[in-house]
Amino acid sequence: MDTNLFADLKQSLKEAKAIRHGLAQPSRSFEVNSIDVKAVRERTNLSQEEFATAIHVSVRTLQNWEQQRRTPTGPAVALLKIVNSAPEIAIKALHA
C-alpha cells in the first residue's frame, strides 16, 4: 500500500474517533428521512400481498421494509411518497 494513502487512512480514523467521542465536529452530515412503509400501506386499506402486487414488489420485500430490515430506495421511495400523499388516486392508477 502506498505510504501516503496509509497515512491518510490513519488520519481519517483518528478524525472519526474524535468525532465519535464528541471531541470534533464532522465536516458534513447527512439526514436520512425514512418513510414508514407500513403506515403508507395501511392508508390504502390493502393487505401486504395486495399492496406488494400493486407496487410490483415481492411480499417479502414489503415485509422487510415494514419491519425496517431493509429500506426502499430510488423509484420505490418516490412511488411510496406518491401513494402516501394520494393513496386512492395512486392505487387506482396502479391498477389501470
Protein backbone atom coordinates (compact mmCIF):
# COMPACT_ATOMS: atom_id res chain seq x y z
CA MET A 1 0.00 0.00 0.00
CA ASP A 2 1.18 3.49 -0.82
CA THR A 3 2.60 5.17 2.32
CA ASN A 4 0.73 8.43 1.62
CA LEU A 5 -2.55 6.57 1.27
CA PHE A 6 -1.90 4.68 4.50
CA ALA A 7 -1.10 7.94 6.33
CA ASP A 8 -4.34 9.46 5.02
CA LEU A 9 -6.32 6.44 6.21
CA LYS A 10 -4.74 6.62 9.66
CA GLN A 11 -5.56 10.33 9.89
CA SER A 12 -9.15 9.66 8.82
CA LEU A 13 -9.54 7.03 11.52
CA LYS A 14 -8.19 9.43 14.15
CA GLU A 15 -10.65 12.08 12.99
CA ALA A 16 -13.53 9.59 13.05
CA LYS A 17 -12.64 8.57 16.59
CA ALA A 18 -12.54 12.22 17.73
CA ILE A 19 -15.94 12.86 16.12
CA ARG A 20 -17.40 9.72 17.69
CA HIS A 21 -16.24 10.83 21.16
CA GLY A 22 -17.55 14.37 20.68
CA LEU A 23 -14.09 15.94 20.55
CA ALA A 24 -14.52 17.23 17.00
CA GLN A 25 -17.34 18.24 14.69
CA PRO A 26 -17.88 16.40 11.41
CA SER A 27 -17.17 18.42 8.29
CA ARG A 28 -20.60 17.47 6.96
CA SER A 29 -23.55 15.36 8.00
CA PHE A 30 -26.49 13.78 6.26
CA GLU A 31 -30.03 13.33 7.50
CA VAL A 32 -31.91 10.43 6.04
CA ASN A 33 -35.67 10.71 6.29
CA SER A 34 -37.10 7.25 6.23
CA ILE A 35 -40.63 6.52 5.14
CA ASP A 36 -43.00 4.48 7.30
CA VAL A 37 -43.92 1.87 4.72
CA LYS A 38 -46.41 0.11 6.99
CA ALA A 39 -48.30 3.35 7.61
CA VAL A 40 -48.36 4.05 3.87
CA ARG A 41 -49.77 0.59 3.17
CA GLU A 42 -52.35 0.90 5.94
CA ARG A 43 -53.59 4.17 4.41
CA THR A 44 -54.52 2.18 1.31
CA ASN A 45 -56.51 -0.42 3.28
CA LEU A 46 -54.71 -3.17 1.37
CA SER A 47 -53.16 -6.35 2.74
CA GLN A 48 -49.44 -6.87 2.40
CA GLU A 49 -49.99 -9.18 -0.56
CA GLU A 50 -52.36 -6.75 -2.31
CA PHE A 51 -50.09 -3.77 -1.73
CA ALA A 52 -46.96 -5.64 -2.84
CA THR A 53 -48.74 -6.72 -6.02
CA ALA A 54 -49.95 -3.16 -6.67
CA ILE A 55 -46.45 -1.64 -6.42
CA HIS A 56 -44.77 -4.60 -8.17
CA VAL A 57 -42.53 -5.84 -5.36
CA SER A 58 -42.44 -9.19 -3.60
CA VAL A 59 -44.33 -9.63 -0.35
CA ARG A 60 -41.00 -10.46 1.30
CA THR A 61 -39.52 -7.15 0.16
CA LEU A 62 -42.53 -5.30 1.53
CA GLN A 63 -42.25 -7.15 4.84
CA ASN A 64 -38.55 -6.28 5.07
CA TRP A 65 -39.41 -2.62 4.50
CA GLU A 66 -42.21 -2.65 7.06
CA GLN A 67 -40.02 -4.35 9.67
CA GLN A 68 -37.16 -1.96 8.85
CA ARG A 69 -34.74 -4.74 7.95
CA ARG A 70 -34.36 -3.04 4.58
CA THR A 71 -35.02 0.48 3.31
CA PRO A 72 -36.68 1.26 -0.01
CA THR A 73 -34.53 3.25 -2.41
CA GLY A 74 -34.79 5.14 -5.66
CA PRO A 75 -38.05 4.78 -7.58
CA ALA A 76 -39.62 2.76 -4.76
CA VAL A 77 -39.28 5.74 -2.40
CA ALA A 78 -40.82 8.05 -4.99
CA LEU A 79 -43.72 5.68 -5.54
CA LEU A 80 -44.30 5.28 -1.79
CA LYS A 81 -44.34 9.07 -1.37
CA ILE A 82 -46.96 9.33 -4.11
CA VAL A 83 -49.06 6.58 -2.53
CA ASN A 84 -48.72 8.29 0.84
CA SER A 85 -49.87 11.67 -0.45
CA ALA A 86 -52.77 10.41 -2.57
CA PRO A 87 -53.46 6.74 -1.79
CA GLU A 88 -56.76 6.39 -3.63
CA ILE A 89 -55.51 8.01 -6.83
CA ALA A 90 -52.17 6.17 -6.76
CA ILE A 91 -53.73 2.73 -6.23
CA LYS A 92 -56.34 3.42 -8.91
CA ALA A 93 -53.58 4.44 -11.34
CA LEU A 94 -51.53 1.35 -10.47
CA HIS A 95 -54.49 -0.92 -11.14
CA ALA A 96 -55.28 0.69 -14.51
